[in-house]
Amino acid sequence: MNDQDRDQLRKTILELIKRGHVRFTAIEKRCVASCLPFATSHTFRHQFYGYLLGQGYVARVTRGVYALTEKGEQLLLLLT
């Protein structure tokens, strides 16, 4: 996976959360079902937990429920 693929996957995840798909399983299913050929459960989880959550772009609200942080909003603007 190259940098453009990672950015596209991150953008898709952030957009889904912004649109109100806040439960982890819903985000994962929609992201993997998207037309991104490199979007698998493994790549999704790596980007979600390893990057977006780990760097503070996404915050856990309650168990299985996530929201964008201010930092995540800014990243989404940069990726658009």
Protein backbone atom coordinates (compact mmCIF):
# COMPACT_ATOMS: atom_id res chain seq x y z
CA MET A 1 0.00 0.00 0.00
CA ASN A 2 1.47 3.36 -1.00
CA ASP A 3 0.96 6.78 0.60
CA GLN A 4 -1.89 7.72 -1.73
CA ASP A 5 -3.76 4.53 -0.86
CA ARG A 6 -3.28 5.18 2.86
CA ASP A 7 -4.51 8.76 2.51
CA GLN A 8 -7.56 7.62 0.54
CA LEU A 9 -8.40 4.99 3.17
CA ARG A 10 -7.94 7.49 6.00
CA LYS A 11 -10.11 10.03 4.19
CA THR A 12 -12.85 7.44 3.69
CA ILE A 13 -12.80 6.49 7.38
CA LEU A 14 -12.93 10.12 8.52
CA GLU A 15 -15.76 10.95 6.11
CA LEU A 16 -17.81 7.98 7.34
CA ILE A 17 -17.40 9.07 10.95
CA LYS A 18 -18.28 12.65 10.06
CA ARG A 19 -21.46 11.49 8.30
CA GLY A 20 -22.61 9.77 11.47
CA HIS A 21 -21.36 6.19 11.04
CA VAL A 22 -19.80 6.13 14.48
CA ARG A 23 -19.89 2.45 15.43
CA PHE A 24 -16.67 0.60 14.65
CA THR A 25 -18.32 -2.33 12.88
CA ALA A 26 -20.42 -0.03 10.67
CA ILE A 27 -17.36 2.01 9.73
CA GLU A 28 -15.35 -1.13 8.95
CA LYS A 29 -18.10 -2.75 6.84
CA ARG A 30 -18.74 0.38 4.79
CA CYS A 31 -15.06 1.05 4.30
CA VAL A 32 -14.22 -2.50 3.20
CA ALA A 33 -17.30 -2.57 0.94
CA SER A 34 -16.19 0.65 -0.76
CA CYS A 35 -14.64 0.53 -4.19
CA LEU A 36 -11.13 0.82 -2.78
CA PRO A 37 -9.31 -2.33 -3.96
CA PHE A 38 -6.79 -2.16 -1.12
CA ALA A 39 -9.39 -1.79 1.65
CA THR A 40 -9.41 -5.01 3.64
CA SER A 41 -10.27 -5.59 7.29
CA HIS A 42 -6.56 -5.76 8.05
CA THR A 43 -5.63 -2.50 6.33
CA PHE A 44 -8.71 -0.80 7.80
CA ARG A 45 -7.86 -1.84 11.37
CA HIS A 46 -4.22 -0.86 10.93
CA GLN A 47 -5.15 2.63 9.74
CA PHE A 48 -7.98 3.06 12.24
CA TYR A 49 -6.26 1.88 15.41
CA GLY A 50 -2.62 2.32 14.49
CA TYR A 51 -2.84 5.73 12.91
CA LEU A 52 -6.13 7.62 13.32
CA LEU A 53 -6.88 6.61 16.90
CA GLY A 54 -3.23 6.46 17.92
CA GLN A 55 -2.48 9.96 16.63
CA GLY A 56 -5.63 11.53 18.10
CA TYR A 57 -7.60 12.09 14.89
CA VAL A 58 -10.43 9.90 16.19
CA ALA A 59 -11.56 9.54 19.80
CA ARG A 60 -13.41 6.70 21.48
CA VAL A 61 -16.66 8.03 22.95
CA THR A 62 -17.91 4.76 24.43
CA ARG A 63 -17.31 1.10 23.72
CA GLY A 64 -17.36 0.67 19.93
CA VAL A 65 -18.41 4.28 19.27
CA TYR A 66 -16.00 6.84 17.81
CA ALA A 67 -16.04 10.53 16.91
CA LEU A 68 -13.78 12.90 15.01
CA THR A 69 -11.59 15.19 17.04
CA GLU A 70 -10.71 18.73 16.03
CA LYS A 71 -7.40 17.34 14.80
CA GLY A 72 -9.33 14.79 12.70
CA GLU A 73 -11.44 17.54 11.15
CA GLN A 74 -8.26 19.35 10.13
CA LEU A 75 -6.77 16.18 8.62
CA LEU A 76 -9.96 15.60 6.63
CA LEU A 77 -9.70 19.11 5.19
CA LEU A 78 -6.10 18.44 4.18
CA LEU A 79 -6.99 15.15 2.52
CA THR A 80 -9.85 16.66 0.53
